[in-house]
N, C-alpha and C. Protein backbone atom coordinates (compact mmCIF):
# COMPACT_ATOMS: atom_id res chain seq x y z
N MET A 1 68.93 107.81 111.94
CA MET A 1 69.93 106.87 111.43
C MET A 1 71.26 107.15 112.11
N PHE A 2 71.78 106.16 112.80
CA PHE A 2 73.02 106.31 113.57
C PHE A 2 74.15 105.58 112.85
N GLN A 3 75.28 106.26 112.63
CA GLN A 3 76.43 105.65 111.98
C GLN A 3 77.62 105.72 112.92
N TYR A 4 78.01 104.58 113.45
CA TYR A 4 79.10 104.54 114.41
C TYR A 4 80.43 104.89 113.75
N ASP A 5 80.74 104.22 112.67
CA ASP A 5 81.91 104.58 111.87
C ASP A 5 81.84 103.86 110.52
N VAL A 6 82.65 104.31 109.59
CA VAL A 6 82.71 103.69 108.26
C VAL A 6 83.67 102.52 108.31
N TYR A 7 83.23 101.37 107.81
CA TYR A 7 84.04 100.15 107.83
C TYR A 7 84.73 99.91 106.49
N ASP A 8 84.10 100.30 105.39
CA ASP A 8 84.67 100.03 104.08
C ASP A 8 84.18 101.07 103.08
N ILE A 9 85.03 101.36 102.09
CA ILE A 9 84.72 102.30 101.03
C ILE A 9 85.03 101.63 99.69
N ALA A 10 84.15 101.75 98.73
CA ALA A 10 84.39 101.25 97.37
C ALA A 10 84.21 102.41 96.40
N VAL A 11 85.08 102.48 95.40
CA VAL A 11 85.04 103.54 94.41
C VAL A 11 84.81 102.93 93.03
N ASP A 12 83.85 103.46 92.31
CA ASP A 12 83.55 103.04 90.95
C ASP A 12 84.81 103.23 90.09
N PRO A 13 85.31 102.19 89.42
CA PRO A 13 86.55 102.34 88.64
C PRO A 13 86.42 103.26 87.43
N THR A 14 85.21 103.63 87.05
CA THR A 14 85.04 104.54 85.91
C THR A 14 84.51 105.91 86.31
N ASP A 15 84.21 106.11 87.61
CA ASP A 15 83.65 107.38 88.06
C ASP A 15 83.97 107.56 89.53
N PHE A 16 84.99 108.37 89.84
CA PHE A 16 85.43 108.53 91.22
C PHE A 16 84.48 109.35 92.07
N ASN A 17 83.43 109.90 91.49
CA ASN A 17 82.38 110.54 92.28
C ASN A 17 81.33 109.53 92.74
N HIS A 18 81.40 108.31 92.21
CA HIS A 18 80.43 107.27 92.56
C HIS A 18 81.07 106.36 93.60
N ILE A 19 80.62 106.46 94.84
CA ILE A 19 81.23 105.73 95.93
C ILE A 19 80.18 105.00 96.76
N LEU A 20 80.63 103.93 97.42
CA LEU A 20 79.80 103.13 98.31
C LEU A 20 80.46 103.07 99.68
N LEU A 21 79.65 103.14 100.74
CA LEU A 21 80.15 103.03 102.10
C LEU A 21 79.42 101.92 102.84
N ALA A 22 80.17 101.19 103.67
CA ALA A 22 79.58 100.23 104.60
C ALA A 22 80.04 100.61 106.01
N ASN A 23 79.19 100.35 106.99
CA ASN A 23 79.44 100.80 108.35
C ASN A 23 79.84 99.69 109.31
N HIS A 24 80.50 100.11 110.38
CA HIS A 24 80.92 99.18 111.42
C HIS A 24 79.79 98.89 112.40
N GLY A 25 79.06 99.93 112.78
CA GLY A 25 77.99 99.77 113.74
C GLY A 25 76.62 99.71 113.09
N ALA A 26 75.67 99.17 113.83
CA ALA A 26 74.29 99.12 113.33
C ALA A 26 73.74 100.54 113.19
N TRP A 27 72.84 100.74 112.22
CA TRP A 27 72.28 102.07 111.98
C TRP A 27 71.35 102.51 113.11
N GLY A 28 70.55 101.62 113.62
CA GLY A 28 69.81 101.80 114.85
C GLY A 28 68.91 103.00 115.00
N TRP A 29 68.20 103.00 116.15
CA TRP A 29 67.35 104.09 116.60
C TRP A 29 66.11 104.30 115.75
N THR A 30 65.79 103.42 114.82
CA THR A 30 64.64 103.66 113.96
C THR A 30 63.65 102.50 113.96
N ASP A 31 64.15 101.29 113.85
CA ASP A 31 63.25 100.14 113.85
C ASP A 31 64.05 98.90 114.26
N THR A 32 63.36 97.78 114.36
CA THR A 32 64.00 96.55 114.86
C THR A 32 65.16 96.12 113.97
N LYS A 33 64.99 96.19 112.66
CA LYS A 33 66.04 95.73 111.74
C LYS A 33 67.28 96.60 111.83
N TRP A 34 67.09 97.91 111.78
CA TRP A 34 68.25 98.83 111.79
C TRP A 34 68.95 98.84 113.14
N ASN A 35 68.28 98.42 114.20
CA ASN A 35 68.92 98.39 115.52
C ASN A 35 69.97 97.29 115.62
N THR A 36 69.97 96.36 114.67
CA THR A 36 70.96 95.27 114.70
C THR A 36 71.77 95.18 113.42
N SER A 37 71.42 95.93 112.39
CA SER A 37 72.07 95.78 111.09
C SER A 37 72.37 97.14 110.46
N SER A 38 73.21 97.12 109.44
CA SER A 38 73.46 98.30 108.62
C SER A 38 73.45 97.88 107.16
N GLY A 39 73.16 98.84 106.28
CA GLY A 39 73.10 98.58 104.85
C GLY A 39 74.25 99.25 104.12
N VAL A 40 73.95 99.83 102.98
CA VAL A 40 74.96 100.45 102.12
C VAL A 40 74.54 101.89 101.81
N LEU A 41 75.48 102.81 101.89
CA LEU A 41 75.26 104.19 101.47
C LEU A 41 75.95 104.41 100.13
N GLU A 42 75.25 105.08 99.21
CA GLU A 42 75.77 105.32 97.86
C GLU A 42 75.71 106.81 97.55
N SER A 43 76.78 107.33 96.94
CA SER A 43 76.79 108.71 96.46
C SER A 43 77.23 108.73 95.00
N ASN A 44 76.56 109.55 94.21
CA ASN A 44 76.92 109.73 92.80
C ASN A 44 77.60 111.08 92.54
N ASP A 45 77.79 111.86 93.63
CA ASP A 45 78.37 113.19 93.45
C ASP A 45 79.49 113.46 94.45
N GLY A 46 80.29 112.43 94.71
CA GLY A 46 81.45 112.61 95.57
C GLY A 46 81.13 112.85 97.02
N GLY A 47 79.96 112.43 97.48
CA GLY A 47 79.60 112.54 98.88
C GLY A 47 78.74 113.72 99.24
N GLU A 48 78.32 114.53 98.26
CA GLU A 48 77.44 115.66 98.56
C GLU A 48 76.04 115.17 98.96
N ASN A 49 75.57 114.13 98.29
CA ASN A 49 74.25 113.56 98.58
C ASN A 49 74.39 112.04 98.65
N TRP A 50 73.48 111.43 99.42
CA TRP A 50 73.58 109.99 99.68
C TRP A 50 72.26 109.29 99.45
N ILE A 51 72.34 108.10 98.88
CA ILE A 51 71.21 107.19 98.73
C ILE A 51 71.35 106.11 99.79
N VAL A 52 70.29 105.87 100.54
CA VAL A 52 70.30 104.86 101.59
C VAL A 52 69.74 103.56 101.05
N HIS A 53 70.55 102.51 101.09
CA HIS A 53 70.11 101.16 100.71
C HIS A 53 69.98 100.35 102.00
N PRO A 54 68.73 100.10 102.45
CA PRO A 54 68.52 99.47 103.76
C PRO A 54 69.08 98.05 103.82
N PRO A 55 69.39 97.57 105.03
CA PRO A 55 69.87 96.19 105.19
C PRO A 55 68.74 95.19 105.02
N MET A 56 69.13 93.98 104.65
CA MET A 56 68.21 92.86 104.71
C MET A 56 68.19 92.32 106.13
N ASP A 57 67.11 91.64 106.50
CA ASP A 57 67.02 91.03 107.82
C ASP A 57 68.18 90.07 108.04
N GLY A 58 68.84 90.21 109.18
CA GLY A 58 69.90 89.28 109.54
C GLY A 58 71.28 89.63 109.03
N TRP A 59 71.43 90.74 108.33
CA TRP A 59 72.75 91.11 107.81
C TRP A 59 73.75 91.38 108.92
N GLY A 60 73.30 91.92 110.03
CA GLY A 60 74.25 92.36 111.03
C GLY A 60 74.97 93.61 110.55
N THR A 61 76.20 93.81 111.01
CA THR A 61 76.94 95.00 110.61
C THR A 61 78.43 94.73 110.61
N GLY A 62 79.21 95.71 110.14
CA GLY A 62 80.64 95.50 109.94
C GLY A 62 80.89 94.83 108.61
N HIS A 63 80.50 95.48 107.50
CA HIS A 63 80.48 94.86 106.18
C HIS A 63 81.65 95.31 105.29
N ALA A 64 81.95 94.46 104.32
CA ALA A 64 82.82 94.84 103.20
C ALA A 64 81.94 95.07 101.98
N ILE A 65 82.25 96.11 101.21
CA ILE A 65 81.49 96.40 100.00
C ILE A 65 82.45 96.59 98.84
N ASN A 66 82.16 95.99 97.71
CA ASN A 66 83.01 96.08 96.52
C ASN A 66 82.15 96.19 95.27
N PHE A 67 82.64 96.93 94.28
CA PHE A 67 82.05 96.89 92.95
C PHE A 67 82.51 95.62 92.25
N LEU A 68 81.57 94.86 91.71
CA LEU A 68 81.91 93.73 90.84
C LEU A 68 81.98 94.27 89.41
N TYR A 69 83.08 94.97 89.14
CA TYR A 69 83.17 95.75 87.91
C TYR A 69 84.63 95.86 87.50
N SER A 70 84.95 95.29 86.35
CA SER A 70 86.29 95.42 85.78
C SER A 70 86.16 95.91 84.34
N PRO A 71 86.30 97.21 84.12
CA PRO A 71 86.20 97.74 82.75
C PRO A 71 87.24 97.15 81.81
N GLU A 72 88.45 96.89 82.33
CA GLU A 72 89.51 96.34 81.49
C GLU A 72 89.13 94.98 80.92
N LEU A 73 88.45 94.17 81.76
CA LEU A 73 88.03 92.83 81.33
C LEU A 73 86.63 92.83 80.74
N LYS A 74 85.98 94.00 80.73
CA LYS A 74 84.60 94.12 80.23
C LYS A 74 83.65 93.20 81.01
N ILE A 75 83.81 93.22 82.33
CA ILE A 75 82.99 92.41 83.23
C ILE A 75 82.27 93.33 84.20
N GLY A 76 80.96 93.11 84.39
CA GLY A 76 80.20 93.86 85.37
C GLY A 76 79.86 95.27 84.91
N ASP A 77 79.33 96.05 85.86
CA ASP A 77 78.97 97.44 85.58
C ASP A 77 78.85 98.19 86.90
N ARG A 78 78.49 99.44 86.84
CA ARG A 78 78.44 100.29 88.03
C ARG A 78 77.35 99.89 89.01
N ASN A 79 76.41 99.08 88.57
CA ASN A 79 75.29 98.68 89.43
C ASN A 79 75.45 97.31 90.06
N THR A 80 76.57 96.65 89.80
CA THR A 80 76.78 95.30 90.32
C THR A 80 77.79 95.36 91.48
N TRP A 81 77.33 94.97 92.68
CA TRP A 81 78.13 95.09 93.90
C TRP A 81 78.13 93.76 94.65
N LEU A 82 79.15 93.60 95.50
CA LEU A 82 79.23 92.45 96.39
C LEU A 82 79.34 92.96 97.82
N LEU A 83 78.41 92.55 98.67
CA LEU A 83 78.43 92.89 100.08
C LEU A 83 78.82 91.65 100.87
N GLY A 84 79.89 91.76 101.66
CA GLY A 84 80.29 90.68 102.55
C GLY A 84 79.93 91.01 103.98
N THR A 85 79.21 90.12 104.65
CA THR A 85 78.85 90.31 106.05
C THR A 85 79.72 89.42 106.92
N GLN A 86 79.69 89.65 108.22
CA GLN A 86 80.51 88.86 109.14
C GLN A 86 79.76 87.68 109.74
N GLY A 87 78.61 87.36 109.21
CA GLY A 87 77.89 86.22 109.74
C GLY A 87 76.86 85.65 108.79
N ALA A 88 76.23 86.52 108.01
CA ALA A 88 75.12 86.07 107.16
C ALA A 88 75.57 85.60 105.78
N GLY A 89 76.86 85.75 105.44
CA GLY A 89 77.34 85.34 104.12
C GLY A 89 77.61 86.53 103.23
N MET A 90 77.58 86.28 101.92
CA MET A 90 77.83 87.34 100.94
C MET A 90 76.64 87.49 100.02
N PHE A 91 76.39 88.75 99.62
CA PHE A 91 75.20 89.09 98.85
C PHE A 91 75.60 89.93 97.65
N ARG A 92 74.89 89.71 96.54
CA ARG A 92 75.19 90.40 95.28
C ARG A 92 73.96 91.14 94.78
N THR A 93 74.18 92.33 94.26
CA THR A 93 73.11 93.07 93.61
C THR A 93 73.55 93.44 92.20
N THR A 94 72.62 93.43 91.27
CA THR A 94 72.90 93.86 89.89
C THR A 94 72.07 95.09 89.52
N ASP A 95 71.33 95.61 90.51
CA ASP A 95 70.48 96.79 90.25
C ASP A 95 70.73 97.88 91.28
N ALA A 96 71.99 98.03 91.67
CA ALA A 96 72.41 99.11 92.58
C ALA A 96 71.65 99.09 93.89
N GLY A 97 71.55 97.91 94.49
CA GLY A 97 71.00 97.80 95.83
C GLY A 97 69.50 97.73 95.95
N LYS A 98 68.79 97.70 94.82
CA LYS A 98 67.33 97.58 94.91
C LYS A 98 66.93 96.17 95.35
N SER A 99 67.69 95.18 94.93
CA SER A 99 67.44 93.80 95.35
C SER A 99 68.78 93.10 95.52
N TRP A 100 68.80 92.09 96.39
CA TRP A 100 70.03 91.37 96.70
C TRP A 100 69.78 89.87 96.63
N LYS A 101 70.82 89.13 96.21
CA LYS A 101 70.76 87.68 96.20
C LYS A 101 71.96 87.13 96.98
N LYS A 102 71.69 86.18 97.85
CA LYS A 102 72.77 85.56 98.62
C LYS A 102 73.58 84.65 97.71
N VAL A 103 74.90 84.84 97.67
CA VAL A 103 75.75 84.08 96.75
C VAL A 103 76.77 83.22 97.47
N SER A 104 76.87 83.34 98.79
CA SER A 104 77.77 82.48 99.56
C SER A 104 77.31 82.44 101.00
N GLU A 105 77.41 81.26 101.61
CA GLU A 105 77.14 81.11 103.04
C GLU A 105 78.33 81.59 103.87
N VAL A 106 79.49 81.72 103.24
CA VAL A 106 80.70 82.14 103.93
C VAL A 106 80.78 83.67 103.90
N GLY A 107 80.99 84.27 105.06
CA GLY A 107 81.11 85.72 105.14
C GLY A 107 82.56 86.16 105.17
N ILE A 108 82.76 87.44 105.46
CA ILE A 108 84.11 87.99 105.48
C ILE A 108 84.78 87.74 106.84
N GLN A 109 86.09 87.79 106.83
CA GLN A 109 86.87 87.79 108.05
C GLN A 109 86.69 89.13 108.76
N HIS A 110 86.72 89.12 110.09
CA HIS A 110 86.65 90.37 110.82
C HIS A 110 87.75 91.32 110.35
N GLY A 111 87.40 92.54 110.10
CA GLY A 111 88.35 93.53 109.59
C GLY A 111 88.07 93.95 108.17
N GLY A 112 87.37 93.13 107.41
CA GLY A 112 87.03 93.51 106.04
C GLY A 112 87.38 92.45 105.03
N GLY A 113 87.09 92.75 103.77
CA GLY A 113 87.34 91.81 102.69
C GLY A 113 87.58 92.50 101.37
N ASP A 114 88.44 91.92 100.55
CA ASP A 114 88.77 92.45 99.23
C ASP A 114 88.35 91.48 98.14
N ILE A 115 88.28 91.99 96.91
CA ILE A 115 88.15 91.12 95.75
C ILE A 115 89.30 91.41 94.79
N TYR A 116 89.57 90.45 93.91
CA TYR A 116 90.61 90.63 92.90
C TYR A 116 90.19 89.90 91.63
N TYR A 117 90.26 90.61 90.50
CA TYR A 117 90.02 89.99 89.19
C TYR A 117 91.36 89.56 88.60
N ASP A 118 91.47 88.29 88.22
CA ASP A 118 92.69 87.88 87.53
C ASP A 118 92.49 88.04 86.02
N LYS A 119 93.55 87.77 85.27
CA LYS A 119 93.53 88.07 83.84
C LYS A 119 92.54 87.20 83.07
N ALA A 120 92.12 86.07 83.66
CA ALA A 120 91.14 85.20 83.01
C ALA A 120 89.71 85.63 83.31
N GLY A 121 89.55 86.63 84.17
CA GLY A 121 88.22 87.09 84.53
C GLY A 121 87.66 86.42 85.76
N PHE A 122 88.45 85.53 86.40
CA PHE A 122 88.00 84.95 87.67
C PHE A 122 88.04 86.05 88.73
N VAL A 123 87.06 86.07 89.61
CA VAL A 123 87.08 87.01 90.72
C VAL A 123 87.26 86.23 92.01
N TYR A 124 88.27 86.64 92.77
CA TYR A 124 88.56 86.06 94.09
C TYR A 124 88.03 86.98 95.17
N ALA A 125 87.51 86.41 96.24
CA ALA A 125 87.03 87.18 97.38
C ALA A 125 87.62 86.60 98.65
N SER A 126 88.24 87.45 99.46
CA SER A 126 88.75 86.99 100.75
C SER A 126 87.57 86.75 101.69
N ALA A 127 87.73 85.80 102.60
CA ALA A 127 86.60 85.41 103.44
C ALA A 127 87.10 84.81 104.75
N ALA A 128 86.16 84.54 105.65
CA ALA A 128 86.48 83.91 106.92
C ALA A 128 86.82 82.44 106.69
N ASN A 129 88.01 82.05 107.06
CA ASN A 129 88.47 80.66 106.94
C ASN A 129 88.50 80.15 105.52
N SER A 130 88.60 81.05 104.54
CA SER A 130 88.54 80.58 103.16
C SER A 130 88.91 81.70 102.21
N ILE A 131 89.16 81.32 100.97
CA ILE A 131 89.17 82.23 99.84
C ILE A 131 88.11 81.71 98.87
N LEU A 132 87.29 82.59 98.35
CA LEU A 132 86.24 82.20 97.41
C LEU A 132 86.65 82.58 96.00
N MET A 133 86.17 81.81 95.02
CA MET A 133 86.45 82.12 93.62
C MET A 133 85.17 81.99 92.80
N SER A 134 85.00 82.89 91.85
CA SER A 134 83.83 82.86 90.97
C SER A 134 84.28 83.01 89.52
N LYS A 135 83.64 82.25 88.64
CA LYS A 135 83.91 82.35 87.21
C LYS A 135 82.77 83.05 86.47
N ASP A 136 81.77 83.55 87.23
CA ASP A 136 80.63 84.22 86.61
C ASP A 136 80.35 85.57 87.29
N ASN A 137 81.43 86.26 87.63
CA ASN A 137 81.37 87.59 88.23
C ASN A 137 80.52 87.63 89.49
N GLY A 138 80.71 86.63 90.32
CA GLY A 138 80.08 86.65 91.63
C GLY A 138 78.67 86.13 91.70
N ALA A 139 78.11 85.65 90.60
CA ALA A 139 76.77 85.07 90.65
C ALA A 139 76.78 83.78 91.48
N THR A 140 77.89 83.05 91.42
CA THR A 140 78.11 81.87 92.26
C THR A 140 79.56 81.87 92.70
N PHE A 141 79.80 81.38 93.91
CA PHE A 141 81.16 81.28 94.45
C PHE A 141 81.40 79.85 94.94
N SER A 142 82.66 79.44 94.88
CA SER A 142 83.08 78.18 95.49
C SER A 142 84.30 78.45 96.35
N SER A 143 84.45 77.67 97.42
CA SER A 143 85.62 77.81 98.29
C SER A 143 86.83 77.19 97.61
N VAL A 144 87.96 77.87 97.73
CA VAL A 144 89.21 77.39 97.14
C VAL A 144 89.92 76.49 98.15
N THR A 145 90.39 75.34 97.68
CA THR A 145 91.15 74.43 98.53
C THR A 145 92.58 74.93 98.64
N LEU A 146 93.01 75.22 99.88
CA LEU A 146 94.31 75.83 100.11
C LEU A 146 95.19 74.91 100.96
N PRO A 147 96.51 75.08 100.86
CA PRO A 147 97.41 74.29 101.71
C PRO A 147 97.61 74.91 103.08
N VAL A 148 96.83 75.93 103.43
CA VAL A 148 96.97 76.60 104.71
C VAL A 148 95.58 76.98 105.21
N ASN A 149 95.40 76.98 106.53
CA ASN A 149 94.12 77.33 107.12
C ASN A 149 94.19 78.73 107.73
N GLY A 150 93.03 79.36 107.85
CA GLY A 150 92.96 80.67 108.49
C GLY A 150 91.93 81.56 107.84
N GLY A 151 91.78 82.74 108.43
CA GLY A 151 90.92 83.75 107.83
C GLY A 151 91.75 84.68 106.97
N PHE A 152 91.11 85.30 105.97
CA PHE A 152 91.83 86.12 105.00
C PHE A 152 91.11 87.45 104.81
N ASN A 153 91.85 88.55 104.92
CA ASN A 153 91.29 89.87 104.65
C ASN A 153 91.52 90.34 103.23
N THR A 154 92.48 89.73 102.54
CA THR A 154 92.78 90.20 101.19
C THR A 154 93.34 89.07 100.34
N VAL A 155 93.19 89.23 99.05
CA VAL A 155 93.80 88.37 98.04
C VAL A 155 94.12 89.28 96.87
N PHE A 156 95.32 89.10 96.28
CA PHE A 156 95.74 90.06 95.26
C PHE A 156 96.68 89.39 94.28
N GLY A 157 96.85 90.03 93.10
CA GLY A 157 97.71 89.46 92.08
C GLY A 157 98.53 90.50 91.35
N ASP A 158 99.44 90.00 90.52
CA ASP A 158 100.35 90.88 89.77
C ASP A 158 100.18 90.74 88.27
N GLY A 159 99.10 90.10 87.84
CA GLY A 159 98.89 89.87 86.42
C GLY A 159 99.40 88.53 85.95
N THR A 160 100.20 87.88 86.77
CA THR A 160 100.73 86.55 86.47
C THR A 160 100.33 85.55 87.54
N SER A 161 100.43 85.97 88.81
CA SER A 161 100.14 85.09 89.94
C SER A 161 99.20 85.78 90.91
N VAL A 162 98.47 84.97 91.67
CA VAL A 162 97.61 85.45 92.75
C VAL A 162 98.28 85.09 94.07
N PHE A 163 98.24 86.02 95.03
CA PHE A 163 98.93 85.84 96.31
C PHE A 163 97.94 85.93 97.47
N LEU A 164 98.24 85.18 98.53
CA LEU A 164 97.47 85.27 99.76
C LEU A 164 98.29 84.72 100.92
N ALA A 165 97.85 85.07 102.13
CA ALA A 165 98.39 84.51 103.37
C ALA A 165 97.34 84.69 104.44
N PRO A 166 97.24 83.77 105.41
CA PRO A 166 96.25 83.93 106.47
C PRO A 166 96.59 85.10 107.37
N ASP A 167 95.57 85.65 108.03
CA ASP A 167 95.76 86.84 108.84
C ASP A 167 96.73 86.62 110.00
N PHE A 168 96.50 85.56 110.78
CA PHE A 168 97.22 85.42 112.03
C PHE A 168 97.88 84.05 112.15
N GLY A 169 98.95 84.01 112.93
CA GLY A 169 99.70 82.77 113.12
C GLY A 169 100.86 82.70 112.15
N ASN A 170 101.95 82.14 112.57
CA ASN A 170 103.14 82.06 111.72
C ASN A 170 102.84 81.29 110.43
N SER A 171 103.06 81.93 109.29
CA SER A 171 102.73 81.29 108.02
C SER A 171 103.55 81.91 106.90
N HIS A 172 103.41 81.31 105.72
CA HIS A 172 104.05 81.79 104.50
C HIS A 172 103.00 82.42 103.59
N TYR A 173 103.47 83.04 102.51
CA TYR A 173 102.59 83.44 101.42
C TYR A 173 102.46 82.27 100.46
N TYR A 174 101.27 82.18 99.85
CA TYR A 174 101.01 81.12 98.88
C TYR A 174 100.53 81.77 97.58
N THR A 175 100.76 81.06 96.48
CA THR A 175 100.46 81.64 95.18
C THR A 175 99.93 80.59 94.22
N THR A 176 99.17 81.05 93.25
CA THR A 176 98.68 80.21 92.17
C THR A 176 98.75 81.02 90.88
N ALA A 177 98.80 80.34 89.75
CA ALA A 177 98.82 81.05 88.47
C ALA A 177 97.46 81.69 88.21
N GLU A 178 97.47 82.90 87.67
CA GLU A 178 96.21 83.52 87.28
C GLU A 178 95.53 82.68 86.21
N GLY A 179 94.23 82.53 86.33
CA GLY A 179 93.49 81.67 85.42
C GLY A 179 93.43 80.23 85.88
N ASP A 180 94.00 79.94 87.06
CA ASP A 180 93.97 78.57 87.59
C ASP A 180 93.16 78.55 88.89
N GLY A 181 93.80 78.90 90.00
CA GLY A 181 93.11 78.94 91.28
C GLY A 181 93.00 77.62 91.99
N THR A 182 93.55 76.54 91.40
CA THR A 182 93.44 75.22 92.02
C THR A 182 94.78 74.68 92.52
N LYS A 183 95.86 75.13 91.96
CA LYS A 183 97.19 74.62 92.33
C LYS A 183 97.96 75.71 93.07
N TRP A 184 97.91 75.66 94.40
CA TRP A 184 98.57 76.65 95.24
C TRP A 184 99.87 76.08 95.78
N GLN A 185 100.89 76.92 95.84
CA GLN A 185 102.17 76.50 96.38
C GLN A 185 102.78 77.61 97.22
N GLN A 186 103.68 77.22 98.12
CA GLN A 186 104.36 78.19 98.96
C GLN A 186 105.23 79.09 98.10
N PHE A 187 105.15 80.41 98.33
CA PHE A 187 105.88 81.36 97.50
C PHE A 187 107.37 81.35 97.80
N SER A 188 107.74 81.32 99.08
CA SER A 188 109.15 81.30 99.48
C SER A 188 109.26 80.71 100.88
N ALA A 189 110.49 80.58 101.36
CA ALA A 189 110.70 80.02 102.69
C ALA A 189 110.44 81.04 103.79
N GLN A 190 110.32 82.32 103.43
CA GLN A 190 110.13 83.37 104.42
C GLN A 190 108.77 83.22 105.09
N SER A 191 108.74 83.34 106.42
CA SER A 191 107.49 83.24 107.17
C SER A 191 107.21 84.56 107.89
N PHE A 192 105.94 84.75 108.27
CA PHE A 192 105.49 85.99 108.88
C PHE A 192 104.63 85.68 110.09
N GLY A 193 104.74 86.54 111.11
CA GLY A 193 103.95 86.34 112.31
C GLY A 193 102.48 86.63 112.12
N SER A 194 102.17 87.49 111.17
CA SER A 194 100.78 87.78 110.82
C SER A 194 100.71 88.12 109.34
N GLY A 195 99.55 87.90 108.76
CA GLY A 195 99.39 88.07 107.32
C GLY A 195 98.84 89.42 106.93
N PRO A 196 98.52 89.58 105.64
CA PRO A 196 98.16 90.91 105.11
C PRO A 196 96.72 91.31 105.39
N PHE A 197 96.59 92.59 105.76
CA PHE A 197 95.27 93.22 105.79
C PHE A 197 94.91 93.74 104.41
N SER A 198 95.93 94.22 103.67
CA SER A 198 95.71 94.76 102.33
C SER A 198 96.97 94.59 101.51
N MET A 199 96.80 94.40 100.20
CA MET A 199 97.94 94.31 99.29
C MET A 199 97.69 95.19 98.08
N GLY A 200 98.78 95.61 97.43
CA GLY A 200 98.70 96.41 96.22
C GLY A 200 99.89 96.12 95.33
N PHE A 201 99.74 96.39 94.03
CA PHE A 201 100.80 96.06 93.08
C PHE A 201 101.22 97.28 92.29
N ASP A 202 102.51 97.54 92.27
CA ASP A 202 103.13 98.59 91.46
C ASP A 202 103.55 97.96 90.14
N SER A 203 102.73 98.14 89.10
CA SER A 203 102.98 97.47 87.82
C SER A 203 104.16 98.09 87.07
N ALA A 204 104.52 99.35 87.38
CA ALA A 204 105.65 99.99 86.70
C ALA A 204 106.97 99.38 87.14
N ASN A 205 107.04 98.99 88.42
CA ASN A 205 108.29 98.45 88.97
C ASN A 205 108.18 96.98 89.37
N ASN A 206 107.01 96.38 89.12
CA ASN A 206 106.78 94.96 89.43
C ASN A 206 107.04 94.64 90.90
N ILE A 207 106.49 95.49 91.77
CA ILE A 207 106.64 95.29 93.22
C ILE A 207 105.27 95.06 93.83
N LEU A 208 105.15 93.98 94.59
CA LEU A 208 103.93 93.69 95.34
C LEU A 208 104.13 94.17 96.78
N TYR A 209 103.22 95.01 97.26
CA TYR A 209 103.28 95.53 98.62
C TYR A 209 102.24 94.83 99.49
N SER A 210 102.60 94.63 100.76
CA SER A 210 101.71 93.95 101.69
C SER A 210 101.75 94.64 103.05
N ALA A 211 100.60 95.13 103.49
CA ALA A 211 100.46 95.73 104.82
C ALA A 211 99.90 94.67 105.76
N ASN A 212 100.73 94.20 106.68
CA ASN A 212 100.38 93.07 107.53
C ASN A 212 99.86 93.51 108.89
N TRP A 213 98.99 92.70 109.47
CA TRP A 213 98.25 93.08 110.67
C TRP A 213 99.14 93.66 111.77
N THR A 214 100.08 92.90 112.27
CA THR A 214 100.96 93.39 113.34
C THR A 214 102.42 93.22 112.95
N ASP A 215 102.67 93.10 111.67
CA ASP A 215 104.00 92.72 111.21
C ASP A 215 104.61 93.74 110.26
N GLY A 216 104.00 94.93 110.15
CA GLY A 216 104.59 95.99 109.35
C GLY A 216 104.26 95.92 107.86
N MET A 217 104.99 96.71 107.09
CA MET A 217 104.81 96.80 105.63
C MET A 217 105.94 96.06 104.94
N TRP A 218 105.57 95.26 103.94
CA TRP A 218 106.55 94.44 103.23
C TRP A 218 106.43 94.65 101.73
N ALA A 219 107.50 94.35 101.01
CA ALA A 219 107.50 94.48 99.57
C ALA A 219 108.35 93.36 98.97
N VAL A 220 107.93 92.88 97.79
CA VAL A 220 108.71 91.88 97.06
C VAL A 220 108.68 92.22 95.59
N LYS A 221 109.83 92.14 94.94
CA LYS A 221 109.89 92.34 93.49
C LYS A 221 109.59 90.99 92.85
N VAL A 222 108.46 90.91 92.17
CA VAL A 222 107.98 89.62 91.69
C VAL A 222 108.57 89.22 90.34
N ARG A 223 109.09 90.21 89.58
CA ARG A 223 109.72 89.89 88.31
C ARG A 223 110.94 90.77 88.10
């Protein structure tokens, strides 16, 4: 089993020893499927031992992996995951990788993908040329109609609003109310040469941080 590099890491929100890894390169050197694809590695003891979850045919490699699990909202569990591929779409498991179901034809943007649970329990997933939204914890997804085009590596919120911006090309940030997802508007007049790879929220100080592809680190006080 050959691992070129790790592409994504997911941590169980209730157990930091329970982690998932996805790889950039194909696992290869063993059989026809692994020579072109990679699956998911799981550890329950902080990386001391690993469970190999093989890829499905056609997955390719360079995946995003996320737990579909929000203890605060009482949604999902430690065995429910979302795998985003760069060509085959997105796949969901509810039995810790023993079986997978395809839940979207749209895959992730190159570079990776994030998910975000809003206060209504909707889960957003960043994707290639789209943002996806699910009201049933990823069992089904629909593409969100946006006022801007592009690929997205991340989507994030502050408990009141959800924020996004396309990866590349001069653009603005756009926002919608949490629990809505249908009415998006430009956040401000400020524009950026490239959009966010990752975002995070400081709830103590109400600051949203954004790490942008070639445009540096930004912060905005949202309230």
